[in-house]
């Protein structure tokens, strides 16, 4: 269960990592929800910053939070 709730990247072999790096990422078009999603991501970052994560992990978590917000906003 901890693995499901963790923001840590799971261990991966080099072939899988290389394959994932070559997958194109779809970028949602900017909308009115963009500023709101930026505030959501910044709020999440501030909340988890107290947990002692390193800067790279915080950056990944912030990007994921923003992407999740944009995905959920697009599905309305």
N, C-alpha and C. Protein backbone atom coordinates (compact mmCIF):
# COMPACT_ATOMS: atom_id res chain seq x y z
N UNK A 1 0.82 -1.19 0.00
CA UNK A 1 0.00 0.00 0.00
C UNK A 1 0.87 1.25 0.00
N UNK A 2 2.01 1.22 0.72
CA UNK A 2 2.88 2.39 0.74
C UNK A 2 3.37 2.75 -0.64
N UNK A 3 3.64 1.77 -1.48
CA UNK A 3 4.11 2.02 -2.83
C UNK A 3 3.06 2.76 -3.66
N UNK A 4 1.81 2.50 -3.39
CA UNK A 4 0.74 3.16 -4.13
C UNK A 4 0.57 4.61 -3.71
N UNK A 5 0.90 4.92 -2.47
CA UNK A 5 0.71 6.26 -1.96
C UNK A 5 1.99 7.09 -2.00
N UNK A 6 3.04 6.56 -2.54
CA UNK A 6 4.33 7.23 -2.55
C UNK A 6 4.53 7.97 -3.86
N UNK A 7 5.20 9.12 -3.78
CA UNK A 7 5.58 9.87 -4.97
C UNK A 7 6.94 9.43 -5.48
N UNK A 8 7.59 8.52 -4.78
CA UNK A 8 8.90 8.04 -5.21
C UNK A 8 8.76 7.24 -6.49
N UNK A 9 9.72 7.39 -7.37
CA UNK A 9 9.69 6.64 -8.62
C UNK A 9 10.03 5.18 -8.35
N UNK A 10 9.28 4.26 -8.95
CA UNK A 10 9.59 2.84 -8.76
C UNK A 10 10.87 2.49 -9.49
N UNK A 11 11.59 1.49 -9.02
CA UNK A 11 12.80 1.10 -9.72
C UNK A 11 12.47 0.60 -11.12
N UNK A 12 13.29 1.00 -12.08
CA UNK A 12 13.05 0.60 -13.47
C UNK A 12 14.36 0.21 -14.11
N UNK A 13 14.28 -0.70 -15.08
CA UNK A 13 15.50 -1.07 -15.78
C UNK A 13 15.78 -0.03 -16.87
N UNK A 14 16.98 -0.05 -17.44
CA UNK A 14 17.40 0.95 -18.41
C UNK A 14 16.55 0.92 -19.67
N UNK A 15 16.15 -0.27 -20.13
CA UNK A 15 15.34 -0.38 -21.35
C UNK A 15 13.99 0.29 -21.15
N UNK A 16 13.38 0.07 -20.00
CA UNK A 16 12.08 0.67 -19.72
C UNK A 16 12.20 2.19 -19.60
N UNK A 17 13.25 2.66 -18.96
CA UNK A 17 13.47 4.09 -18.81
C UNK A 17 13.68 4.75 -20.16
N UNK A 18 14.46 4.12 -21.03
CA UNK A 18 14.70 4.67 -22.36
C UNK A 18 13.41 4.70 -23.18
N UNK A 19 12.60 3.68 -23.08
CA UNK A 19 11.34 3.63 -23.82
C UNK A 19 10.39 4.72 -23.33
N UNK A 20 10.33 4.93 -22.04
CA UNK A 20 9.45 5.96 -21.49
C UNK A 20 9.90 7.35 -21.89
N UNK A 21 11.20 7.56 -22.04
CA UNK A 21 11.71 8.87 -22.41
C UNK A 21 11.34 9.23 -23.84
N UNK A 22 11.05 8.25 -24.68
CA UNK A 22 10.72 8.50 -26.08
C UNK A 22 9.23 8.63 -26.35
N UNK A 23 8.39 8.49 -25.33
CA UNK A 23 6.95 8.60 -25.52
C UNK A 23 6.57 10.07 -25.55
N UNK A 24 5.87 10.51 -26.61
CA UNK A 24 5.46 11.92 -26.67
C UNK A 24 4.43 12.22 -25.60
N UNK A 25 4.50 13.41 -25.04
CA UNK A 25 3.58 13.83 -24.00
C UNK A 25 2.60 14.83 -24.60
N UNK A 26 1.33 14.56 -24.45
CA UNK A 26 0.31 15.48 -24.94
C UNK A 26 0.19 16.65 -23.98
N UNK A 27 0.19 17.84 -24.52
CA UNK A 27 0.06 19.04 -23.71
C UNK A 27 -1.32 19.64 -23.96
N UNK A 28 -2.03 19.86 -22.88
CA UNK A 28 -3.37 20.43 -23.01
C UNK A 28 -3.26 21.91 -23.37
N UNK A 29 -4.20 22.37 -24.17
CA UNK A 29 -4.22 23.78 -24.55
C UNK A 29 -4.54 24.64 -23.33
N UNK A 30 -3.93 25.82 -23.24
CA UNK A 30 -4.20 26.70 -22.09
C UNK A 30 -5.69 27.06 -22.03
N UNK A 31 -6.19 27.19 -20.85
CA UNK A 31 -7.59 27.57 -20.66
C UNK A 31 -7.70 28.39 -19.39
N UNK A 32 -8.90 28.73 -19.04
CA UNK A 32 -9.14 29.49 -17.81
C UNK A 32 -8.74 28.72 -16.57
N UNK A 33 -8.68 27.39 -16.69
CA UNK A 33 -8.32 26.55 -15.54
C UNK A 33 -6.81 26.54 -15.29
N UNK A 34 -6.03 27.07 -16.23
CA UNK A 34 -4.58 27.01 -16.12
C UNK A 34 -4.07 27.72 -14.86
N UNK A 35 -4.52 28.93 -14.63
CA UNK A 35 -4.08 29.67 -13.44
C UNK A 35 -4.52 28.95 -12.17
N UNK A 36 -5.72 28.38 -12.19
CA UNK A 36 -6.20 27.66 -11.03
C UNK A 36 -5.33 26.43 -10.76
N UNK A 37 -4.98 25.72 -11.82
CA UNK A 37 -4.14 24.53 -11.67
C UNK A 37 -2.74 24.90 -11.19
N UNK A 38 -2.23 26.03 -11.62
CA UNK A 38 -0.93 26.50 -11.13
C UNK A 38 -1.01 26.76 -9.63
N UNK A 39 -2.11 27.37 -9.17
CA UNK A 39 -2.27 27.62 -7.73
C UNK A 39 -2.41 26.31 -6.96
N UNK A 40 -3.13 25.35 -7.53
CA UNK A 40 -3.28 24.03 -6.88
C UNK A 40 -1.90 23.38 -6.72
N UNK A 41 -1.11 23.39 -7.79
CA UNK A 41 0.22 22.77 -7.74
C UNK A 41 1.12 23.48 -6.74
N UNK A 42 1.07 24.82 -6.71
CA UNK A 42 1.89 25.57 -5.76
C UNK A 42 1.48 25.29 -4.33
N UNK A 43 0.17 25.16 -4.12
CA UNK A 43 -0.34 24.85 -2.79
C UNK A 43 0.12 23.46 -2.33
N UNK A 44 0.04 22.49 -3.24
CA UNK A 44 0.50 21.13 -2.92
C UNK A 44 1.99 21.13 -2.60
N UNK A 45 2.77 21.87 -3.38
CA UNK A 45 4.22 21.93 -3.15
C UNK A 45 4.51 22.51 -1.76
N UNK A 46 3.82 23.59 -1.42
CA UNK A 46 4.03 24.21 -0.11
C UNK A 46 3.65 23.24 1.01
N UNK A 47 2.58 22.48 0.79
CA UNK A 47 2.13 21.54 1.81
C UNK A 47 3.13 20.41 2.04
N UNK A 48 3.68 19.85 0.96
CA UNK A 48 4.58 18.71 1.11
C UNK A 48 6.03 19.12 1.35
N UNK A 49 6.33 20.40 1.17
CA UNK A 49 7.70 20.86 1.38
C UNK A 49 8.15 20.61 2.82
N UNK A 50 7.21 20.64 3.74
CA UNK A 50 7.52 20.39 5.14
C UNK A 50 7.93 18.94 5.40
N UNK A 51 7.69 18.06 4.45
CA UNK A 51 8.00 16.64 4.62
C UNK A 51 9.47 16.33 4.44
N UNK A 52 10.25 17.28 3.94
CA UNK A 52 11.68 17.07 3.79
C UNK A 52 12.12 16.43 2.50
N UNK A 53 11.27 16.43 1.47
CA UNK A 53 11.66 15.88 0.18
C UNK A 53 12.74 16.77 -0.46
N UNK A 54 13.60 16.15 -1.27
CA UNK A 54 14.63 16.92 -1.97
C UNK A 54 13.99 17.74 -3.09
N UNK A 55 14.73 18.70 -3.65
CA UNK A 55 14.19 19.62 -4.66
C UNK A 55 13.71 18.89 -5.91
N UNK A 56 14.44 17.88 -6.36
CA UNK A 56 14.03 17.16 -7.57
C UNK A 56 12.70 16.45 -7.36
N UNK A 57 12.51 15.85 -6.21
CA UNK A 57 11.26 15.17 -5.90
C UNK A 57 10.12 16.18 -5.81
N UNK A 58 10.36 17.31 -5.16
CA UNK A 58 9.35 18.36 -5.08
C UNK A 58 8.95 18.84 -6.48
N UNK A 59 9.93 18.99 -7.36
CA UNK A 59 9.64 19.42 -8.73
C UNK A 59 8.76 18.41 -9.44
N UNK A 60 9.08 17.11 -9.33
CA UNK A 60 8.28 16.07 -9.96
C UNK A 60 6.85 16.05 -9.40
N UNK A 61 6.74 16.21 -8.09
CA UNK A 61 5.42 16.20 -7.45
C UNK A 61 4.60 17.41 -7.91
N UNK A 62 5.24 18.56 -8.06
CA UNK A 62 4.55 19.77 -8.50
C UNK A 62 4.04 19.61 -9.93
N UNK A 63 4.88 19.06 -10.79
CA UNK A 63 4.48 18.84 -12.18
C UNK A 63 3.33 17.85 -12.25
N UNK A 64 3.41 16.77 -11.49
CA UNK A 64 2.33 15.77 -11.48
C UNK A 64 1.03 16.38 -10.99
N UNK A 65 1.10 17.18 -9.95
CA UNK A 65 -0.09 17.82 -9.41
C UNK A 65 -0.73 18.72 -10.46
N UNK A 66 0.10 19.50 -11.15
CA UNK A 66 -0.40 20.39 -12.20
C UNK A 66 -1.03 19.57 -13.34
N UNK A 67 -0.34 18.52 -13.78
CA UNK A 67 -0.86 17.69 -14.88
C UNK A 67 -2.18 17.01 -14.50
N UNK A 68 -2.26 16.53 -13.28
CA UNK A 68 -3.49 15.88 -12.82
C UNK A 68 -4.63 16.89 -12.80
N UNK A 69 -4.37 18.09 -12.34
CA UNK A 69 -5.39 19.13 -12.32
C UNK A 69 -5.87 19.44 -13.72
N UNK A 70 -4.93 19.59 -14.66
CA UNK A 70 -5.30 19.89 -16.05
C UNK A 70 -6.12 18.75 -16.66
N UNK A 71 -5.73 17.52 -16.36
CA UNK A 71 -6.48 16.37 -16.88
C UNK A 71 -7.89 16.35 -16.33
N UNK A 72 -8.02 16.58 -15.04
CA UNK A 72 -9.35 16.59 -14.43
C UNK A 72 -10.18 17.76 -14.94
N UNK A 73 -9.57 18.90 -15.17
CA UNK A 73 -10.28 20.06 -15.69
C UNK A 73 -10.76 19.82 -17.11
N UNK A 74 -9.96 19.12 -17.89
CA UNK A 74 -10.32 18.84 -19.28
C UNK A 74 -11.45 17.84 -19.39
N UNK A 75 -11.62 17.02 -18.38
CA UNK A 75 -12.65 15.98 -18.45
C UNK A 75 -14.01 16.45 -17.96
N UNK A 76 -14.13 17.71 -17.62
CA UNK A 76 -15.43 18.24 -17.16
C UNK A 76 -16.44 18.25 -18.26
